[in-house]
C-alpha atoms as a PDB file:
ATOM      1  CA  MET A   1       0.172  -0.200  -0.025  1.00  0.00           C
ATOM      2  CA  ILE A   2       1.411   3.328  -1.034  1.00  0.00           C
ATOM      3  CA  ASP A   3       1.059   6.432   1.040  1.00  0.00           C
ATOM      4  CA  HIS A   4       3.056   8.886  -0.698  1.00  0.00           C
ATOM      5  CA  GLY A   5       4.504  12.203   0.766  1.00  0.00           C
ATOM      6  CA  LYS A   6       4.575  10.566   3.933  1.00  0.00           C
ATOM      7  CA  ASN A   7       7.156   9.156   6.576  1.00  0.00           C
ATOM      8  CA  ARG A   8       8.254   5.848   5.568  1.00  0.00           C
ATOM      9  CA  GLY A   9       7.619   2.931   7.318  1.00  0.00           C
ATOM     10  CA  LEU A  10       6.866  -0.888   6.932  1.00  0.00           C
ATOM     11  CA  THR A  11       3.682  -1.955   8.338  1.00  0.00           C
ATOM     12  CA  GLY A  12       1.866  -5.524   7.474  1.00  0.00           C
ATOM     13  CA  PRO A  13      -1.547  -6.341   8.926  1.00  0.00           C
ATOM     14  CA  SER A  14      -5.632 -14.765   4.797  1.00  0.00           C
ATOM     15  CA  ALA A  15      -8.772 -17.621   3.795  1.00  0.00           C
ATOM     16  CA  GLY A  16     -10.692 -15.022   2.632  1.00  0.00           C
ATOM     17  CA  HIS A  17      -9.562 -11.489   3.810  1.00  0.00           C
ATOM     18  CA  PRO A  18      -6.153 -10.008   4.988  1.00  0.00           C
ATOM     19  CA  SER A  19      -5.447 -10.102   8.312  1.00  0.00           C
ATOM     20  CA  THR A  20      -3.531  -7.438  10.125  1.00  0.00           C
ATOM     21  CA  VAL A  21       0.267  -8.738  11.156  1.00  0.00           C
ATOM     22  CA  CYS A  22       2.251  -5.658  11.447  1.00  0.00           C
ATOM     23  CA  ILE A  23       5.877  -4.388  11.262  1.00  0.00           C
ATOM     24  CA  HIS A  24       6.369  -0.917  11.744  1.00  0.00           C
ATOM     25  CA  PRO A  25       9.983   0.493  13.142  1.00  0.00           C
ATOM     26  CA  ASP A  26       8.290   3.085  15.806  1.00  0.00           C
ATOM     27  CA  CYS A  27       5.447   0.803  17.254  1.00  0.00           C
ATOM     28  CA  ALA A  28       4.889  -0.014  20.948  1.00  0.00           C
ATOM     29  CA  MET A  29       5.498  -3.473  21.016  1.00  0.00           C
ATOM     30  CA  ASN A  30       3.613  -5.189  23.896  1.00  0.00           C
ATOM     31  CA  VAL A  31       4.938  -8.902  23.534  1.00  0.00           C
ATOM     32  CA  VAL A  32       5.992 -11.501  26.455  1.00  0.00           C
ATOM     33  CA  LEU A  33       8.718 -14.058  25.235  1.00  0.00           C
ATOM     34  CA  PRO A  34       7.648 -17.400  24.757  1.00  0.00           C
ATOM     35  CA  ARG A  35       8.237 -20.109  27.441  1.00  0.00           C
ATOM     36  CA  MET A  36       9.672 -23.180  25.509  1.00  0.00           C
ATOM     37  CA  LEU A  37       7.894 -26.528  26.596  1.00  0.00           C
ATOM     38  CA  THR A  38      10.533 -29.390  28.160  1.00  0.00           C
ATOM     39  CA  SER A  39      10.702 -32.603  26.673  1.00  0.00           C
ATOM     40  CA  GLY A  40       8.561 -33.861  29.439  1.00  0.00           C
ATOM     41  CA  GLU A  41       5.779 -31.257  29.199  1.00  0.00           C
ATOM     42  CA  ILE A  42       5.548 -31.953  25.310  1.00  0.00           C
ATOM     43  CA  ASP A  43       4.463 -35.432  25.742  1.00  0.00           C
ATOM     44  CA  GLY A  44       0.570 -35.344  25.129  1.00  0.00           C
ATOM     45  CA  HIS A  45       0.556 -32.464  22.562  1.00  0.00           C
ATOM     46  CA  ALA A  46       2.196 -34.054  19.162  1.00  0.00           C
ATOM     47  CA  HIS A  47       0.272 -32.442  16.986  1.00  0.00           C
ATOM     48  CA  ILE A  48       0.491 -29.268  14.694  1.00  0.00           C
ATOM     49  CA  GLU A  49      -2.418 -27.581  15.986  1.00  0.00           C
ATOM     50  CA  PRO A  50      -2.500 -24.627  18.725  1.00  0.00           C
ATOM     51  CA  GLU A  51      -3.946 -25.866  21.852  1.00  0.00           C
ATOM     52  CA  VAL A  52      -5.600 -23.725  24.784  1.00  0.00           C
ATOM     53  CA  HIS A  53      -3.996 -24.739  27.902  1.00  0.00           C
ATOM     54  CA  HIS A  54      -4.845 -22.543  30.896  1.00  0.00           C
ATOM     55  CA  ASP A  55      -1.877 -21.744  33.234  1.00  0.00           C
ATOM     56  CA  PRO A  56      -2.541 -18.593  36.075  1.00  0.00           C
ATOM     57  CA  ALA A  57       0.989 -18.444  37.456  1.00  0.00           C
ATOM     58  CA  PHE A  58       1.967 -18.273  33.851  1.00  0.00           C
ATOM     59  CA  ILE A  59      -0.299 -15.573  33.025  1.00  0.00           C
ATOM     60  CA  GLU A  60       1.339 -13.615  36.624  1.00  0.00           C
ATOM     61  CA  GLN A  61       4.360 -13.984  35.433  1.00  0.00           C
ATOM     62  CA  CYS A  62       3.529 -12.573  31.581  1.00  0.00           C
ATOM     63  CA  LEU A  63       1.938  -9.361  33.664  1.00  0.00           C
ATOM     64  CA  GLN A  64       5.039  -8.692  35.670  1.00  0.00           C
ATOM     65  CA  ARG A  65       7.138  -8.733  32.949  1.00  0.00           C
ATOM     66  CA  GLN A  66       4.923  -7.422  29.647  1.00  0.00           C
ATOM     67  CA  MET A  67       5.029  -3.359  28.989  1.00  0.00           C
ATOM     68  CA  TYR A  68       2.110  -1.568  30.297  1.00  0.00           C
ATOM     69  CA  HIS A  69      -1.023  -1.157  27.653  1.00  0.00           C
ATOM     70  CA  PRO A  70      -4.096   0.977  28.663  1.00  0.00           C
ATOM     71  CA  ILE A  71      -6.283  -2.095  28.099  1.00  0.00           C
ATOM     72  CA  SER A  72      -5.046  -3.602  31.328  1.00  0.00           C
ATOM     73  CA  VAL A  73      -7.502  -0.840  33.422  1.00  0.00           C
ATOM     74  CA  PHE A  74     -10.203  -3.264  32.181  1.00  0.00           C
ATOM     75  CA  ASP A  75      -9.061  -6.160  33.464  1.00  0.00           C
ATOM     76  CA  PRO A  76      -9.629  -8.378  30.313  1.00  0.00           C
ATOM     77  CA  PRO A  77      -9.903 -11.928  30.361  1.00  0.00           C
ATOM     78  CA  ARG A  78      -6.667 -13.865  29.780  1.00  0.00           C
ATOM     79  CA  THR A  79      -5.326 -17.608  29.359  1.00  0.00           C
ATOM     80  CA  THR A  80      -2.739 -19.222  27.808  1.00  0.00           C
ATOM     81  CA  SER A  81      -1.748 -21.388  24.626  1.00  0.00           C
ATOM     82  CA  LEU A  82       0.721 -24.197  23.484  1.00  0.00           C
ATOM     83  CA  VAL A  83       1.722 -23.023  19.856  1.00  0.00           C
ATOM     84  CA  GLN A  84       4.699 -23.839  17.057  1.00  0.00           C
ATOM     85  CA  PHE A  85       7.408 -21.572  16.621  1.00  0.00           C
ATOM     86  CA  PHE A  86      10.261 -22.648  14.136  1.00  0.00           C
ATOM     87  CA  ARG A  87      12.827 -25.102  15.592  1.00  0.00           C
ATOM     88  CA  GLU A  88      16.121 -25.155  13.152  1.00  0.00           C
ATOM     89  CA  LYS A  89      17.134 -28.390  12.198  1.00  0.00           C
ATOM     90  CA  GLN A  90      20.613 -29.843  11.748  1.00  0.00           C
ATOM     91  CA  GLY A  91      21.680 -29.135   7.420  1.00  0.00           C
ATOM     92  CA  HIS A  92      19.775 -25.572   7.173  1.00  0.00           C
ATOM     93  CA  GLU A  93      23.838 -24.163   6.863  1.00  0.00           C
ATOM     94  CA  LYS A  94      23.118 -25.626   3.466  1.00  0.00           C
ATOM     95  CA  GLU A  95      19.775 -25.616   2.477  1.00  0.00           C
ATOM     96  CA  LYS A  96      17.394 -22.795   3.672  1.00  0.00           C
ATOM     97  CA  PRO A  97      14.071 -23.861   5.505  1.00  0.00           C
ATOM     98  CA  TYR A  98      10.912 -24.177   3.088  1.00  0.00           C
ATOM     99  CA  ALA A  99       7.749 -25.350   2.876  1.00  0.00           C
ATOM    100  CA  LEU A 100       5.575 -26.518  -0.390  1.00  0.00           C
ATOM    101  CA  ARG A 101       2.086 -25.274  -1.391  1.00  0.00           C
ATOM    102  CA  VAL A 102       2.310 -27.749  -3.885  1.00  0.00           C
ATOM    103  CA  PRO A 103       2.731 -31.474  -3.805  1.00  0.00           C
ATOM    104  CA  VAL A 104       6.074 -33.318  -3.608  1.00  0.00           C
ATOM    105  CA  SER A 105       7.805 -34.254  -7.213  1.00  0.00           C
ATOM    106  CA  GLY A 106       8.925 -37.922  -5.483  1.00  0.00           C
ATOM    107  CA  GLU A 107       9.306 -39.860  -2.449  1.00  0.00           C
ATOM    108  CA  SER A 108      12.767 -38.110  -1.362  1.00  0.00           C
ATOM    109  CA  GLN A 109      11.129 -34.642  -1.443  1.00  0.00           C
ATOM    110  CA  LEU A 110       9.885 -33.089   1.530  1.00  0.00           C
ATOM    111  CA  GLN A 111       6.692 -31.082   1.848  1.00  0.00           C
ATOM    112  CA  SER A 112       8.971 -29.057   4.539  1.00  0.00           C
ATOM    113  CA  ASN A 113      12.280 -29.479   5.910  1.00  0.00           C
ATOM    114  CA  PHE A 114      12.065 -27.717   9.029  1.00  0.00           C
ATOM    115  CA  GLU A 115       9.867 -28.809  12.830  1.00  0.00           C
ATOM    116  CA  GLY A 116       8.476 -26.877  14.987  1.00  0.00           C
ATOM    117  CA  ALA A 117       9.243 -26.183  18.673  1.00  0.00           C
ATOM    118  CA  TRP A 118       6.110 -26.280  21.377  1.00  0.00           C
ATOM    119  CA  SER A 119       6.387 -23.016  23.709  1.00  0.00           C
ATOM    120  CA  GLN A 120       3.501 -21.095  26.007  1.00  0.00           C
ATOM    121  CA  ILE A 121       2.191 -17.815  25.437  1.00  0.00           C
ATOM    122  CA  MET A 122      -0.297 -15.869  27.126  1.00  0.00           C
ATOM    123  CA  LEU A 123      -3.421 -14.796  25.411  1.00  0.00           C
ATOM    124  CA  THR A 124      -5.315 -11.428  25.731  1.00  0.00           C
ATOM    125  CA  ASP A 125      -9.085 -11.280  24.991  1.00  0.00           C
ATOM    126  CA  VAL A 126      -9.567  -7.498  23.424  1.00  0.00           C
ATOM    127  CA  ARG A 127     -13.239  -8.025  22.347  1.00  0.00           C
ATOM    128  CA  GLY A 128     -15.070  -4.765  23.595  1.00  0.00           C
ATOM    129  CA  HIS A 129     -11.861  -2.939  23.387  1.00  0.00           C
ATOM    130  CA  GLU A 130     -11.095  -3.157  19.674  1.00  0.00           C
ATOM    131  CA  ASP A 131     -10.705   0.463  18.996  1.00  0.00           C
ATOM    132  CA  MET A 132      -7.911   0.817  21.860  1.00  0.00           C
ATOM    133  CA  PHE A 133      -5.509  -0.418  19.193  1.00  0.00           C
ATOM    134  CA  LEU A 134      -3.770   1.259  15.709  1.00  0.00           C
ATOM    135  CA  LEU A 135      -1.678   0.142  13.445  1.00  0.00           C
ATOM    136  CA  ASP A 136       1.044   3.060  14.259  1.00  0.00           C
ATOM    137  CA  LYS A 137       0.976   2.571  17.785  1.00  0.00           C
ATOM    138  CA  ASP A 138       0.486  -1.392  18.256  1.00  0.00           C
ATOM    139  CA  GLY A 139       1.396  -2.838  14.830  1.00  0.00           C
ATOM    140  CA  PHE A 140      -1.993  -4.330  14.055  1.00  0.00           C
ATOM    141  CA  ALA A 141      -5.854  -3.333  14.373  1.00  0.00           C
ATOM    142  CA  TRP A 142      -9.398  -4.596  13.971  1.00  0.00           C
ATOM    143  CA  LEU A 143     -11.120  -2.805  11.120  1.00  0.00           C
ATOM    144  CA  ASN A 144     -15.226  -3.967  10.387  1.00  0.00           C
ATOM    145  CA  HIS A 145     -15.809  -4.902   6.837  1.00  0.00           C
ATOM    146  CA  ILE A 146     -18.442  -7.357   5.441  1.00  0.00           C
ATOM    147  CA  SER A 147     -17.287  -9.093   2.083  1.00  0.00           C
ATOM    148  CA  GLN A 148     -20.020  -9.595  -0.532  1.00  0.00           C
ATOM    149  CA  ILE A 149     -17.859 -12.361  -1.727  1.00  0.00           C
ATOM    150  CA  ASN A 150     -18.237 -15.888  -0.352  1.00  0.00           C
ATOM    151  CA  VAL A 151     -14.497 -16.661  -0.365  1.00  0.00           C
ATOM    152  CA  LEU A 152     -15.063 -20.270   0.966  1.00  0.00           C
ATOM    153  CA  GLU A 153     -16.361 -21.297  -2.197  1.00  0.00           C
ATOM    154  CA  GLN A 154     -13.872 -23.216  -4.316  1.00  0.00           C
ATOM    155  CA  SER A 155     -14.834 -20.926  -6.898  1.00  0.00           C
ATOM    156  CA  PHE A 156     -14.855 -17.516  -5.692  1.00  0.00           C
ATOM    157  CA  ASP A 157     -13.763 -14.658  -7.821  1.00  0.00           C
ATOM    158  CA  VAL A 158     -10.724 -13.815  -7.023  1.00  0.00           C
ATOM    159  CA  HIS A 159     -10.112 -10.782  -9.245  1.00  0.00           C
ATOM    160  CA  LEU A 160     -13.279  -9.635  -7.963  1.00  0.00           C
ATOM    161  CA  TYR A 161     -12.573  -9.758  -4.241  1.00  0.00           C
ATOM    162  CA  MET A 162      -8.944  -8.380  -4.997  1.00  0.00           C
ATOM    163  CA  ARG A 163     -10.714  -5.040  -6.351  1.00  0.00           C
ATOM    164  CA  GLU A 164     -12.868  -5.278  -2.884  1.00  0.00           C
ATOM    165  CA  MET A 165      -9.927  -5.009  -0.797  1.00  0.00           C
ATOM    166  CA  SER A 166      -8.249  -2.644  -2.632  1.00  0.00           C
ATOM    167  CA  ASP A 167     -11.280  -0.472  -2.554  1.00  0.00           C
ATOM    168  CA  PHE A 168     -11.700  -0.993   1.211  1.00  0.00           C
ATOM    169  CA  LEU A 169      -7.824  -0.284   2.381  1.00  0.00           C
ATOM    170  CA  CYS A 170      -7.667   2.907  -0.039  1.00  0.00           C
ATOM    171  CA  GLN A 171     -10.771   3.883   1.702  1.00  0.00           C
ATOM    172  CA  HIS A 172      -9.920   3.322   5.515  1.00  0.00           C
ATOM    173  CA  LEU A 173      -6.622   3.488   5.520  1.00  0.00           C
ATOM    174  CA  ASN A 174      -6.279   7.014   3.246  1.00  0.00           C
ATOM    175  CA  ALA A 175      -3.988   5.182   0.830  1.00  0.00           C
ATOM    176  CA  GLN A 176      -3.447   6.727  -2.752  1.00  0.00           C
ATOM    177  CA  GLU A 177      -2.479   3.167  -4.309  1.00  0.00           C
ATOM    178  CA  VAL A 178      -2.462  -0.637  -3.388  1.00  0.00           C
ATOM    179  CA  PHE A 179      -0.816  -3.603  -5.220  1.00  0.00           C
ATOM    180  CA  ILE A 180      -1.620  -6.862  -4.506  1.00  0.00           C
ATOM    181  CA  TYR A 181       1.146  -9.375  -5.092  1.00  0.00           C
ATOM    182  CA  ASP A 182      -0.166 -12.423  -3.487  1.00  0.00           C
ATOM    183  CA  TYR A 183      -2.975 -14.421  -1.643  1.00  0.00           C
ATOM    184  CA  VAL A 184      -3.257 -17.684   0.146  1.00  0.00           C
ATOM    185  CA  ARG A 185      -6.343 -19.456   0.956  1.00  0.00           C
ATOM    186  CA  ARG A 186      -6.339 -20.793   4.865  1.00  0.00           C
ATOM    187  CA  SER A 187      -9.105 -23.563   6.310  1.00  0.00           C
ATOM    188  CA  PRO A 188      -8.677 -25.470   9.441  1.00  0.00           C
ATOM    189  CA  HIS A 189      -9.934 -28.891   7.894  1.00  0.00           C
ATOM    190  CA  PRO A 190      -6.805 -31.344   6.550  1.00  0.00           C
ATOM    191  CA  ALA A 191      -9.534 -32.302   3.283  1.00  0.00           C
ATOM    192  CA  ASP A 192      -9.167 -28.356   2.346  1.00  0.00           C
ATOM    193  CA  ARG A 193      -5.273 -28.055   3.148  1.00  0.00           C
ATOM    194  CA  MET A 194      -4.863 -30.821   0.503  1.00  0.00           C
ATOM    195  CA  SER A 195      -7.276 -28.674  -2.062  1.00  0.00           C
ATOM    196  CA  GLY A 196      -5.142 -25.346  -2.165  1.00  0.00           C
ATOM    197  CA  PHE A 197      -5.313 -23.826   1.151  1.00  0.00           C
ATOM    198  CA  SER A 198      -2.082 -23.108   3.153  1.00  0.00           C
ATOM    199  CA  ASP A 199      -1.445 -24.996   6.350  1.00  0.00           C
ATOM    200  CA  ILE A 200       2.436 -23.933   7.179  1.00  0.00           C
ATOM    201  CA  THR A 201       0.411 -20.984   8.734  1.00  0.00           C
ATOM    202  CA  ARG A 202      -0.811 -22.599  11.263  1.00  0.00           C
ATOM    203  CA  ARG A 203       2.560 -22.253  13.182  1.00  0.00           C
ATOM    204  CA  ILE A 204       4.191 -18.988  14.609  1.00  0.00           C
ATOM    205  CA  HIS A 205       5.985 -17.057  11.396  1.00  0.00           C
ATOM    206  CA  CYS A 206       7.004 -13.719  10.457  1.00  0.00           C
ATOM    207  CA  ASP A 207       5.759 -12.997   6.536  1.00  0.00           C
ATOM    208  CA  GLN A 208       8.453  -9.791   6.317  1.00  0.00           C
ATOM    209  CA  SER A 209      11.219  -8.580   7.930  1.00  0.00           C
ATOM    210  CA  PRO A 210      11.730  -5.070   6.930  1.00  0.00           C
ATOM    211  CA  ARG A 211      14.756  -5.797   4.937  1.00  0.00           C
ATOM    212  CA  SER A 212      12.528  -8.125   2.586  1.00  0.00           C
ATOM    213  CA  ALA A 213       9.884  -5.762   2.605  1.00  0.00           C
ATOM    214  CA  ILE A 214      12.105  -3.300   0.785  1.00  0.00           C
ATOM    215  CA  GLY A 215      13.201  -6.028  -1.355  1.00  0.00           C
ATOM    216  CA  ARG A 216       9.239  -7.187  -1.848  1.00  0.00           C
ATOM    217  CA  ILE A 217       8.353  -3.482  -3.347  1.00  0.00           C
ATOM    218  CA  LYS A 218      11.563  -3.246  -5.303  1.00  0.00           C
ATOM    219  CA  LEU A 219      10.709  -6.580  -6.651  1.00  0.00           C
ATOM    220  CA  HIS A 220       6.664  -5.600  -7.846  1.00  0.00           C
ATOM    221  CA  THR A 221       6.812  -1.804  -8.624  1.00  0.00           C
ATOM    222  CA  GLY A 222      10.194  -1.798 -10.902  1.00  0.00           C
ATOM    223  CA  ASP A 223      11.740   1.548 -12.000  1.00  0.00           C
ATOM    224  CA  ARG A 224       8.950   3.129  -9.744  1.00  0.00           C
ATOM    225  CA  ALA A 225      10.482   1.547  -6.255  1.00  0.00           C
ATOM    226  CA  GLU A 226      12.984   4.241  -5.732  1.00  0.00           C
ATOM    227  CA  GLU A 227      10.621   7.143  -5.454  1.00  0.00           C
ATOM    228  CA  LEU A 228       7.612   5.233  -4.089  1.00  0.00           C
ATOM    229  CA  LEU A 229      10.213   4.544  -1.452  1.00  0.00           C
ATOM    230  CA  LYS A 230      10.839   8.286  -0.627  1.00  0.00           C
ATOM    231  CA  GLY A 231       7.407   8.518   0.734  1.00  0.00           C
ATOM    232  CA  ARG A 232       5.677   5.940   3.129  1.00  0.00           C
ATOM    233  CA  CYS A 233       5.275   2.163   1.900  1.00  0.00           C
ATOM    234  CA  ARG A 234       3.216  -0.084   3.786  1.00  0.00           C
ATOM    235  CA  ILE A 235       3.005  -3.872   3.473  1.00  0.00           C
ATOM    236  CA  PHE A 236      -0.198  -5.681   4.801  1.00  0.00           C
ATOM    237  CA  ARG A 237      -1.018  -9.368   5.357  1.00  0.00           C
END
């Protein structure tokens, strides 16, 4: 998304609609480092699905360590969850981690060449207080939009949906231009994942680093990139 004439920043806000997962150099991060599970604790969680695992003691530890946010005044409900982060494997120094979204070419080809490490995180229920979070301050935000297109249908009109999302971003985020370079369909159902949906997104991951975001803009806007990067460019997912 291009905001001409503004200070440059990188933000990033996928079945059906863009989520808002953002990278911004000036955002106030409210992050508590996850607690890695021991081998004994991992027993019984040998799957790739996130799992709610309420742990009041861990919540108390998180609240003592995290940066203050105004939502704390309302004492919102909190719980904990077991999720998977990336875990490096032997051989990554020769072959970069990857995950294929297409069928493998043979028995020797892996669908992905990395593993996940189970960790415990705290989750805060912010329902009713969504307007307290802003893109430029918190790195994410909630915007209400009811799509006119049923993205759960296998044959939904991708191009019509992309035009709808472009208009939505221009209107609500005051952008002069929107360029959509990719889309991914997600589903919680294993059968859907085999028919074109993405599965790797069910692990904790980062879509773009600040460096790769600059590279992405240069890749897709070509000769215009140098001038566009003098203003403000934001990447949303």
